Protein backbone atom coordinates (compact mmCIF):
# COMPACT_ATOMS: atom_id res chain seq x y z
CA UNK A 1 20.48 -17.54 -0.85
CA UNK A 2 16.56 -18.54 -1.22
CA UNK A 3 15.45 -14.42 -0.24
CA UNK A 4 18.18 -13.37 -2.80
CA UNK A 5 16.38 -15.68 -5.60
CA UNK A 6 12.93 -14.75 -4.51
CA UNK A 7 14.14 -11.16 -4.72
CA UNK A 8 15.51 -11.48 -8.27
CA UNK A 9 12.27 -13.30 -9.30
CA UNK A 10 9.97 -10.77 -8.08
CA UNK A 11 12.33 -7.78 -9.75
CA UNK A 12 11.91 -9.42 -12.85
CA UNK A 13 8.07 -10.07 -12.40
CA UNK A 14 7.55 -6.46 -11.67
CA UNK A 15 10.10 -5.62 -14.87
CA UNK A 16 7.60 -7.99 -17.08
CA UNK A 17 4.49 -6.38 -15.53
CA UNK A 18 5.29 -2.65 -16.19
CA UNK A 19 6.42 -3.43 -19.87
CA UNK A 20 3.24 -5.29 -20.22
CA UNK A 21 1.27 -2.00 -18.47
CA UNK A 22 0.55 -4.76 -15.67
CA UNK A 23 0.04 -4.02 -12.06
CA UNK A 24 1.88 -6.45 -10.09
CA UNK A 25 0.25 -7.03 -6.54
CA UNK A 26 1.99 -8.71 -3.63
CA UNK A 27 -0.02 -10.17 -1.25
CA UNK A 28 0.42 -9.46 2.60
CA UNK A 29 2.84 -11.88 4.30
CA UNK A 30 0.56 -12.97 6.45
CA UNK A 31 -2.66 -13.21 4.54
CA UNK A 32 -4.13 -16.46 5.43
CA UNK A 33 -4.45 -17.81 1.87
CA UNK A 34 -5.05 -21.20 3.14
CA UNK A 35 -7.32 -20.95 5.90
CA UNK A 36 -10.10 -18.87 4.32
CA UNK A 37 -12.87 -21.04 2.09
CA UNK A 38 -12.64 -19.02 -1.19
CA UNK A 39 -16.54 -19.94 -1.13
CA UNK A 40 -17.87 -18.38 1.87
CA UNK A 41 -14.87 -16.80 3.86
CA UNK A 42 -14.99 -18.58 6.79
CA UNK A 43 -11.37 -18.83 8.44
CA UNK A 44 -10.00 -22.27 9.42
CA UNK A 45 -7.51 -20.80 11.94
CA UNK A 46 -6.10 -24.40 13.02
CA UNK A 47 -5.74 -25.63 9.86
CA UNK A 48 -2.48 -27.34 10.14
CA UNK A 49 0.93 -27.76 7.67
CA UNK A 50 0.16 -31.41 7.27
CA UNK A 51 -3.69 -31.43 6.35
CA UNK A 52 -3.80 -31.08 2.50
CA UNK A 53 -7.57 -30.99 2.57
CA UNK A 54 -10.46 -29.79 4.90
CA UNK A 55 -13.81 -29.15 4.63
CA UNK A 56 -15.66 -25.73 5.64
CA UNK A 57 -17.85 -25.76 8.83
CA UNK A 58 -19.99 -22.92 7.33
CA UNK A 59 -20.39 -24.09 4.04
CA UNK A 60 -19.42 -27.63 3.51
CA UNK A 61 -16.98 -27.29 0.24
CA UNK A 62 -14.31 -29.32 0.42
CA UNK A 63 -11.29 -27.87 -0.44
CA UNK A 64 -7.62 -28.99 -1.67
CA UNK A 65 -5.27 -26.56 0.68
CA UNK A 66 -3.14 -25.35 -2.42
CA UNK A 67 -5.50 -25.10 -4.82
CA UNK A 68 -7.98 -22.84 -2.06
CA UNK A 69 -4.90 -21.16 -1.75
CA UNK A 70 -4.72 -20.05 -4.85
CA UNK A 71 -8.03 -18.87 -5.40
CA UNK A 72 -7.88 -16.86 -2.37
CA UNK A 73 -4.63 -14.88 -3.70
CA UNK A 74 -6.52 -14.53 -7.49
CA UNK A 75 -8.91 -12.79 -5.52
CA UNK A 76 -6.62 -10.87 -2.99
CA UNK A 77 -7.28 -7.07 -3.14
CA UNK A 78 -4.61 -5.25 -0.75
CA UNK A 79 -6.36 -2.85 1.99
CA UNK A 80 -4.98 0.33 0.16
CA UNK A 81 -6.92 -0.58 -2.94
CA UNK A 82 -10.51 -1.89 -0.95
CA UNK A 83 -13.22 0.40 -1.59
CA UNK A 84 -14.26 0.23 1.86
CA UNK A 85 -12.95 -1.37 5.02
CA UNK A 86 -14.94 -3.97 6.90
CA UNK A 87 -15.29 -1.55 9.70
CA UNK A 88 -16.75 0.86 7.50
CA UNK A 89 -19.55 -1.58 5.98
CA UNK A 90 -20.64 -3.05 9.35
CA UNK A 91 -21.13 0.88 9.73
CA UNK A 92 -23.10 0.86 6.59
CA UNK A 93 -20.39 3.83 5.64
CA UNK A 94 -18.75 3.13 2.33
CA UNK A 95 -15.82 5.48 0.95
CA UNK A 96 -15.05 6.11 -2.37
CA UNK A 97 -11.68 6.85 -3.57
CA UNK A 98 -11.58 10.06 -5.37
CA UNK A 99 -15.42 11.09 -4.68
């Protein structure tokens, strides 16, 4: 039942987006929005569901789990919409759509 309700919500959201000429982007199911530091990008892989606050060991920023996840989802860019992949950037090679 919950999946049906979520599916209905997503469908309505997509219709509303079309009527306002907005693109609705769904984050990947396994995107670690709670685990990523929204300040420096460090991933806290051992974050437990019971931890509501955590401090990034890299930059020292303190995060409230849900607020941090919301920031990361706001800034989420799906792989197919990125100008380059992490592998490309490590090789100093950037790809450009339409170039």
